[in-house]
């Protein structure tokens, strides 16, 4: 029992360390040797737990998704309206992107199992986003006369183009994210929504 507990503790530590290294340096730049050295464990010990890098990356990405879900749940319990929720999410995402290597995102596409997992997660979030949009419409912040399915498909295509064209190399991920999100949000907002969005974004930019 103690051995199983120790093994799980070590596994958790490996995944957490690998995620930080992948995000900070890029996935292709990080070798299994590098992870073992960072943790001060042998390469053999690492391979006893993870047979290969893709298997470890999958668990690291699952950890990242669970962390994002925790943030979303915390925001959902914070009694925020839709614009306040989005601006706080924007602030947290910008903070994360300031420490992430742009190549982390493009490298993810090289691993089919990881790519398929992220696509499934994306489909789940689409259903949640529709309910979120409906709430924003009820609050008077989002336009009701738009086809949000079309908009979602356009956003997906634009996001894919940004990665395929390696735009992050020229502009950096924080700048791309800022311009992408602000233009999109203002485009779906009513005048009431734009006024609150601009006010809250000013507070974020001043920090």
C-alpha atoms as a PDB file:
ATOM      1  CA  UNK A   1       0.000   0.000   0.000  1.00  0.00           C
ATOM      2  CA  UNK A   2       2.821   2.343   0.931  1.00  0.00           C
ATOM      3  CA  UNK A   3       4.658   1.504  -2.310  1.00  0.00           C
ATOM      4  CA  UNK A   4       1.525   2.283  -4.340  1.00  0.00           C
ATOM      5  CA  UNK A   5       1.116   5.570  -2.500  1.00  0.00           C
ATOM      6  CA  UNK A   6       4.752   6.488  -3.103  1.00  0.00           C
ATOM      7  CA  UNK A   7       4.481   5.519  -6.783  1.00  0.00           C
ATOM      8  CA  UNK A   8       1.370   7.701  -7.226  1.00  0.00           C
ATOM      9  CA  UNK A   9       3.057  10.595  -5.457  1.00  0.00           C
ATOM     10  CA  UNK A  10       6.078  10.281  -7.739  1.00  0.00           C
ATOM     11  CA  UNK A  11       3.836   9.995 -10.794  1.00  0.00           C
ATOM     12  CA  UNK A  12       1.979  13.183  -9.828  1.00  0.00           C
ATOM     13  CA  UNK A  13       5.286  14.966  -9.336  1.00  0.00           C
ATOM     14  CA  UNK A  14       6.545  13.802 -12.729  1.00  0.00           C
ATOM     15  CA  UNK A  15       3.387  15.001 -14.512  1.00  0.00           C
ATOM     16  CA  UNK A  16       3.432  18.382 -12.772  1.00  0.00           C
ATOM     17  CA  UNK A  17       7.120  18.914 -13.551  1.00  0.00           C
ATOM     18  CA  UNK A  18       6.743  17.754 -17.163  1.00  0.00           C
ATOM     19  CA  UNK A  19       3.793  20.089 -17.757  1.00  0.00           C
ATOM     20  CA  UNK A  20       5.746  23.108 -16.517  1.00  0.00           C
ATOM     21  CA  UNK A  21       8.769  22.169 -18.613  1.00  0.00           C
ATOM     22  CA  UNK A  22       6.707  21.507 -21.747  1.00  0.00           C
ATOM     23  CA  UNK A  23       4.894  24.821 -21.379  1.00  0.00           C
ATOM     24  CA  UNK A  24       7.978  26.883 -20.597  1.00  0.00           C
ATOM     25  CA  UNK A  25      10.362  25.344 -23.127  1.00  0.00           C
ATOM     26  CA  UNK A  26       8.173  23.708 -25.772  1.00  0.00           C
ATOM     27  CA  UNK A  27       7.440  19.996 -26.019  1.00  0.00           C
ATOM     28  CA  UNK A  28      10.073  19.058 -28.587  1.00  0.00           C
ATOM     29  CA  UNK A  29      12.791  20.847 -26.634  1.00  0.00           C
ATOM     30  CA  UNK A  30      12.218  18.741 -23.514  1.00  0.00           C
ATOM     31  CA  UNK A  31      13.659  15.216 -23.455  1.00  0.00           C
ATOM     32  CA  UNK A  32      12.800  12.476 -21.006  1.00  0.00           C
ATOM     33  CA  UNK A  33      16.391  12.798 -19.767  1.00  0.00           C
ATOM     34  CA  UNK A  34      15.773  16.462 -18.961  1.00  0.00           C
ATOM     35  CA  UNK A  35      12.694  15.607 -16.899  1.00  0.00           C
ATOM     36  CA  UNK A  36      14.547  12.878 -14.992  1.00  0.00           C
ATOM     37  CA  UNK A  37      17.443  15.226 -14.219  1.00  0.00           C
ATOM     38  CA  UNK A  38      15.104  18.001 -13.065  1.00  0.00           C
ATOM     39  CA  UNK A  39      13.426  15.561 -10.664  1.00  0.00           C
ATOM     40  CA  UNK A  40      16.748  14.008  -9.583  1.00  0.00           C
ATOM     41  CA  UNK A  41      15.538  10.534 -10.484  1.00  0.00           C
ATOM     42  CA  UNK A  42      17.037   7.958 -12.818  1.00  0.00           C
ATOM     43  CA  UNK A  43      15.913   7.622 -16.397  1.00  0.00           C
ATOM     44  CA  UNK A  44      15.042   4.017 -15.599  1.00  0.00           C
ATOM     45  CA  UNK A  45      12.677   5.104 -12.832  1.00  0.00           C
ATOM     46  CA  UNK A  46      10.975   7.550 -15.180  1.00  0.00           C
ATOM     47  CA  UNK A  47      10.497   4.892 -17.863  1.00  0.00           C
ATOM     48  CA  UNK A  48       9.096   2.445 -15.305  1.00  0.00           C
ATOM     49  CA  UNK A  49       6.211   4.887 -14.848  1.00  0.00           C
ATOM     50  CA  UNK A  50       5.956   6.296 -18.372  1.00  0.00           C
ATOM     51  CA  UNK A  51       6.942   4.174 -21.348  1.00  0.00           C
ATOM     52  CA  UNK A  52       7.370   7.146 -23.663  1.00  0.00           C
ATOM     53  CA  UNK A  53       7.136  10.898 -23.944  1.00  0.00           C
ATOM     54  CA  UNK A  54       3.711  10.965 -25.612  1.00  0.00           C
ATOM     55  CA  UNK A  55       2.186   8.974 -22.762  1.00  0.00           C
ATOM     56  CA  UNK A  56       3.611  11.477 -20.286  1.00  0.00           C
ATOM     57  CA  UNK A  57       2.474  14.413 -22.428  1.00  0.00           C
ATOM     58  CA  UNK A  58      -1.076  13.051 -22.461  1.00  0.00           C
ATOM     59  CA  UNK A  59      -1.230  13.003 -18.666  1.00  0.00           C
ATOM     60  CA  UNK A  60       0.363  16.464 -18.546  1.00  0.00           C
ATOM     61  CA  UNK A  61      -2.282  17.845 -20.922  1.00  0.00           C
ATOM     62  CA  UNK A  62      -5.032  16.172 -18.878  1.00  0.00           C
ATOM     63  CA  UNK A  63      -3.607  17.885 -15.793  1.00  0.00           C
ATOM     64  CA  UNK A  64      -3.647  21.222 -17.593  1.00  0.00           C
ATOM     65  CA  UNK A  65      -7.277  20.679 -18.646  1.00  0.00           C
ATOM     66  CA  UNK A  66      -8.273  19.823 -15.066  1.00  0.00           C
ATOM     67  CA  UNK A  67      -6.557  22.994 -13.835  1.00  0.00           C
ATOM     68  CA  UNK A  68      -8.445  25.065 -16.403  1.00  0.00           C
ATOM     69  CA  UNK A  69     -11.704  23.390 -15.380  1.00  0.00           C
ATOM     70  CA  UNK A  70     -10.996  24.248 -11.752  1.00  0.00           C
ATOM     71  CA  UNK A  71     -10.483  27.897 -12.708  1.00  0.00           C
ATOM     72  CA  UNK A  72     -13.752  27.884 -14.647  1.00  0.00           C
ATOM     73  CA  UNK A  73     -15.610  26.342 -11.703  1.00  0.00           C
ATOM     74  CA  UNK A  74     -14.145  28.935  -9.331  1.00  0.00           C
ATOM     75  CA  UNK A  75     -15.259  31.734 -11.642  1.00  0.00           C
ATOM     76  CA  UNK A  76     -18.715  30.173 -11.927  1.00  0.00           C
ATOM     77  CA  UNK A  77     -19.103  30.327  -8.141  1.00  0.00           C
ATOM     78  CA  UNK A  78     -17.938  33.935  -7.937  1.00  0.00           C
ATOM     79  CA  UNK A  79     -21.367  35.477  -8.737  1.00  0.00           C
ATOM     80  CA  UNK A  80     -20.018  37.331 -11.786  1.00  0.00           C
ATOM     81  CA  UNK A  81     -22.032  38.471 -14.767  1.00  0.00           C
ATOM     82  CA  UNK A  82     -20.920  37.226 -18.181  1.00  0.00           C
ATOM     83  CA  UNK A  83     -18.710  40.221 -19.001  1.00  0.00           C
ATOM     84  CA  UNK A  84     -17.017  40.175 -15.583  1.00  0.00           C
ATOM     85  CA  UNK A  85     -16.476  36.413 -16.006  1.00  0.00           C
ATOM     86  CA  UNK A  86     -14.893  36.844 -19.431  1.00  0.00           C
ATOM     87  CA  UNK A  87     -12.603  39.664 -18.365  1.00  0.00           C
ATOM     88  CA  UNK A  88     -11.352  37.727 -15.341  1.00  0.00           C
ATOM     89  CA  UNK A  89     -10.787  34.681 -17.563  1.00  0.00           C
ATOM     90  CA  UNK A  90      -8.928  36.920 -20.006  1.00  0.00           C
ATOM     91  CA  UNK A  91      -6.707  38.254 -17.218  1.00  0.00           C
ATOM     92  CA  UNK A  92      -5.802  34.768 -16.014  1.00  0.00           C
ATOM     93  CA  UNK A  93      -5.113  33.535 -19.545  1.00  0.00           C
ATOM     94  CA  UNK A  94      -2.855  36.497 -20.319  1.00  0.00           C
ATOM     95  CA  UNK A  95      -0.931  35.804 -17.124  1.00  0.00           C
ATOM     96  CA  UNK A  96      -0.426  32.174 -18.155  1.00  0.00           C
ATOM     97  CA  UNK A  97       0.564  33.036 -21.731  1.00  0.00           C
ATOM     98  CA  UNK A  98       3.293  35.372 -20.488  1.00  0.00           C
ATOM     99  CA  UNK A  99       5.237  32.322 -19.260  1.00  0.00           C
ATOM    100  CA  UNK A 100       4.376  29.784 -21.999  1.00  0.00           C
ATOM    101  CA  UNK A 101       6.620  29.057 -24.974  1.00  0.00           C
ATOM    102  CA  UNK A 102       4.651  29.660 -28.197  1.00  0.00           C
ATOM    103  CA  UNK A 103       6.009  26.396 -29.597  1.00  0.00           C
ATOM    104  CA  UNK A 104       4.108  24.504 -26.878  1.00  0.00           C
ATOM    105  CA  UNK A 105       0.857  25.044 -28.779  1.00  0.00           C
ATOM    106  CA  UNK A 106       2.201  24.138 -32.208  1.00  0.00           C
ATOM    107  CA  UNK A 107       4.032  21.091 -30.808  1.00  0.00           C
ATOM    108  CA  UNK A 108       0.768  19.691 -29.421  1.00  0.00           C
ATOM    109  CA  UNK A 109      -0.438  19.092 -32.969  1.00  0.00           C
ATOM    110  CA  UNK A 110       2.379  16.599 -33.567  1.00  0.00           C
ATOM    111  CA  UNK A 111       0.855  14.017 -31.227  1.00  0.00           C
ATOM    112  CA  UNK A 112      -2.324  12.412 -32.602  1.00  0.00           C
ATOM    113  CA  UNK A 113      -3.653  10.980 -29.333  1.00  0.00           C
ATOM    114  CA  UNK A 114      -3.189  14.308 -27.593  1.00  0.00           C
ATOM    115  CA  UNK A 115      -4.731  16.153 -30.528  1.00  0.00           C
ATOM    116  CA  UNK A 116      -7.774  13.861 -30.467  1.00  0.00           C
ATOM    117  CA  UNK A 117      -8.187  14.305 -26.705  1.00  0.00           C
ATOM    118  CA  UNK A 118      -8.067  18.096 -26.989  1.00  0.00           C
ATOM    119  CA  UNK A 119     -10.588  18.028 -29.820  1.00  0.00           C
ATOM    120  CA  UNK A 120     -13.033  16.045 -27.663  1.00  0.00           C
ATOM    121  CA  UNK A 121     -12.561  18.519 -24.832  1.00  0.00           C
ATOM    122  CA  UNK A 122     -13.170  21.359 -27.267  1.00  0.00           C
ATOM    123  CA  UNK A 123     -16.489  19.797 -28.334  1.00  0.00           C
ATOM    124  CA  UNK A 124     -17.571  19.546 -24.690  1.00  0.00           C
ATOM    125  CA  UNK A 125     -16.760  23.220 -24.131  1.00  0.00           C
ATOM    126  CA  UNK A 126     -18.798  24.201 -27.191  1.00  0.00           C
ATOM    127  CA  UNK A 127     -21.978  23.023 -25.496  1.00  0.00           C
ATOM    128  CA  UNK A 128     -21.088  24.968 -22.352  1.00  0.00           C
ATOM    129  CA  UNK A 129     -20.268  28.093 -24.360  1.00  0.00           C
ATOM    130  CA  UNK A 130     -23.728  28.089 -25.938  1.00  0.00           C
ATOM    131  CA  UNK A 131     -25.340  28.179 -22.494  1.00  0.00           C
ATOM    132  CA  UNK A 132     -22.934  30.963 -21.520  1.00  0.00           C
ATOM    133  CA  UNK A 133     -23.874  32.978 -24.615  1.00  0.00           C
ATOM    134  CA  UNK A 134     -27.570  32.531 -23.831  1.00  0.00           C
ATOM    135  CA  UNK A 135     -26.957  33.886 -20.323  1.00  0.00           C
ATOM    136  CA  UNK A 136     -25.163  36.915 -21.772  1.00  0.00           C
ATOM    137  CA  UNK A 137     -28.097  37.549 -24.110  1.00  0.00           C
ATOM    138  CA  UNK A 138     -30.533  37.392 -21.166  1.00  0.00           C
ATOM    139  CA  UNK A 139     -28.372  39.880 -19.257  1.00  0.00           C
ATOM    140  CA  UNK A 140     -28.423  42.229 -22.239  1.00  0.00           C
ATOM    141  CA  UNK A 141     -24.668  42.072 -22.877  1.00  0.00           C
ATOM    142  CA  UNK A 142     -24.611  39.919 -26.047  1.00  0.00           C
ATOM    143  CA  UNK A 143     -26.429  40.463 -29.333  1.00  0.00           C
ATOM    144  CA  UNK A 144     -29.375  38.139 -29.859  1.00  0.00           C
ATOM    145  CA  UNK A 145     -29.507  38.392 -33.658  1.00  0.00           C
ATOM    146  CA  UNK A 146     -26.292  36.465 -34.385  1.00  0.00           C
ATOM    147  CA  UNK A 147     -25.721  32.856 -35.423  1.00  0.00           C
ATOM    148  CA  UNK A 148     -23.266  31.743 -32.747  1.00  0.00           C
ATOM    149  CA  UNK A 149     -22.698  28.353 -34.373  1.00  0.00           C
ATOM    150  CA  UNK A 150     -21.339  30.144 -37.446  1.00  0.00           C
ATOM    151  CA  UNK A 151     -19.229  32.412 -35.223  1.00  0.00           C
ATOM    152  CA  UNK A 152     -17.793  29.407 -33.355  1.00  0.00           C
ATOM    153  CA  UNK A 153     -16.804  27.762 -36.628  1.00  0.00           C
ATOM    154  CA  UNK A 154     -15.130  30.969 -37.796  1.00  0.00           C
ATOM    155  CA  UNK A 155     -13.222  31.193 -34.506  1.00  0.00           C
ATOM    156  CA  UNK A 156     -12.065  27.584 -34.848  1.00  0.00           C
ATOM    157  CA  UNK A 157     -10.819  28.231 -38.387  1.00  0.00           C
ATOM    158  CA  UNK A 158      -9.057  31.440 -37.354  1.00  0.00           C
ATOM    159  CA  UNK A 159      -7.373  29.729 -34.397  1.00  0.00           C
ATOM    160  CA  UNK A 160      -6.139  26.924 -36.643  1.00  0.00           C
ATOM    161  CA  UNK A 161      -4.809  29.428 -39.178  1.00  0.00           C
ATOM    162  CA  UNK A 162      -2.896  31.311 -36.467  1.00  0.00           C
ATOM    163  CA  UNK A 163      -1.103  28.100 -35.484  1.00  0.00           C
ATOM    164  CA  UNK A 164      -0.536  26.835 -39.030  1.00  0.00           C
ATOM    165  CA  UNK A 165       0.849  30.190 -40.152  1.00  0.00           C
ATOM    166  CA  UNK A 166       3.154  30.389 -37.107  1.00  0.00           C
ATOM    167  CA  UNK A 167       1.910  33.918 -36.422  1.00  0.00           C
ATOM    168  CA  UNK A 168       3.072  33.604 -32.821  1.00  0.00           C
ATOM    169  CA  UNK A 169       6.662  33.833 -34.029  1.00  0.00           C
ATOM    170  CA  UNK A 170       6.086  37.352 -35.301  1.00  0.00           C
ATOM    171  CA  UNK A 171       3.591  38.718 -32.782  1.00  0.00           C
ATOM    172  CA  UNK A 172       3.840  36.528 -29.665  1.00  0.00           C
ATOM    173  CA  UNK A 173       0.952  34.612 -28.107  1.00  0.00           C
ATOM    174  CA  UNK A 174      -0.130  37.309 -25.596  1.00  0.00           C
ATOM    175  CA  UNK A 175      -0.524  39.885 -28.375  1.00  0.00           C
ATOM    176  CA  UNK A 176      -2.382  37.442 -30.626  1.00  0.00           C
ATOM    177  CA  UNK A 177      -4.678  36.380 -27.802  1.00  0.00           C
ATOM    178  CA  UNK A 178      -5.396  39.974 -26.763  1.00  0.00           C
ATOM    179  CA  UNK A 179      -6.306  41.173 -30.250  1.00  0.00           C
ATOM    180  CA  UNK A 180      -8.222  38.018 -31.120  1.00  0.00           C
ATOM    181  CA  UNK A 181     -10.319  38.044 -27.951  1.00  0.00           C
ATOM    182  CA  UNK A 182     -11.023  41.780 -27.774  1.00  0.00           C
ATOM    183  CA  UNK A 183     -12.159  42.009 -31.409  1.00  0.00           C
ATOM    184  CA  UNK A 184     -14.370  38.935 -30.989  1.00  0.00           C
ATOM    185  CA  UNK A 185     -15.933  40.085 -27.714  1.00  0.00           C
ATOM    186  CA  UNK A 186     -16.682  43.590 -28.927  1.00  0.00           C
ATOM    187  CA  UNK A 187     -18.215  42.102 -32.061  1.00  0.00           C
ATOM    188  CA  UNK A 188     -20.859  40.122 -30.157  1.00  0.00           C
ATOM    189  CA  UNK A 189     -21.579  42.717 -27.471  1.00  0.00           C
ATOM    190  CA  UNK A 190     -24.503  45.119 -27.284  1.00  0.00           C
ATOM    191  CA  UNK A 191     -23.738  48.750 -26.490  1.00  0.00           C
ATOM    192  CA  UNK A 192     -24.336  47.932 -22.834  1.00  0.00           C
ATOM    193  CA  UNK A 193     -21.871  45.061 -23.093  1.00  0.00           C
ATOM    194  CA  UNK A 194     -19.224  47.146 -24.874  1.00  0.00           C
ATOM    195  CA  UNK A 195     -19.386  49.865 -22.225  1.00  0.00           C
ATOM    196  CA  UNK A 196     -18.860  47.393 -19.376  1.00  0.00           C
ATOM    197  CA  UNK A 197     -16.218  45.464 -21.324  1.00  0.00           C
ATOM    198  CA  UNK A 198     -14.196  48.610 -22.051  1.00  0.00           C
ATOM    199  CA  UNK A 199     -14.425  49.728 -18.429  1.00  0.00           C
ATOM    200  CA  UNK A 200     -13.258  46.390 -17.028  1.00  0.00           C
ATOM    201  CA  UNK A 201     -10.545  45.909 -19.658  1.00  0.00           C
ATOM    202  CA  UNK A 202      -9.129  49.312 -18.749  1.00  0.00           C
ATOM    203  CA  UNK A 203      -8.705  48.093 -15.180  1.00  0.00           C
ATOM    204  CA  UNK A 204      -6.918  44.970 -16.417  1.00  0.00           C
ATOM    205  CA  UNK A 205      -4.575  46.955 -18.677  1.00  0.00           C
ATOM    206  CA  UNK A 206      -3.706  49.338 -15.829  1.00  0.00           C
ATOM    207  CA  UNK A 207      -2.508  46.494 -13.566  1.00  0.00           C
END
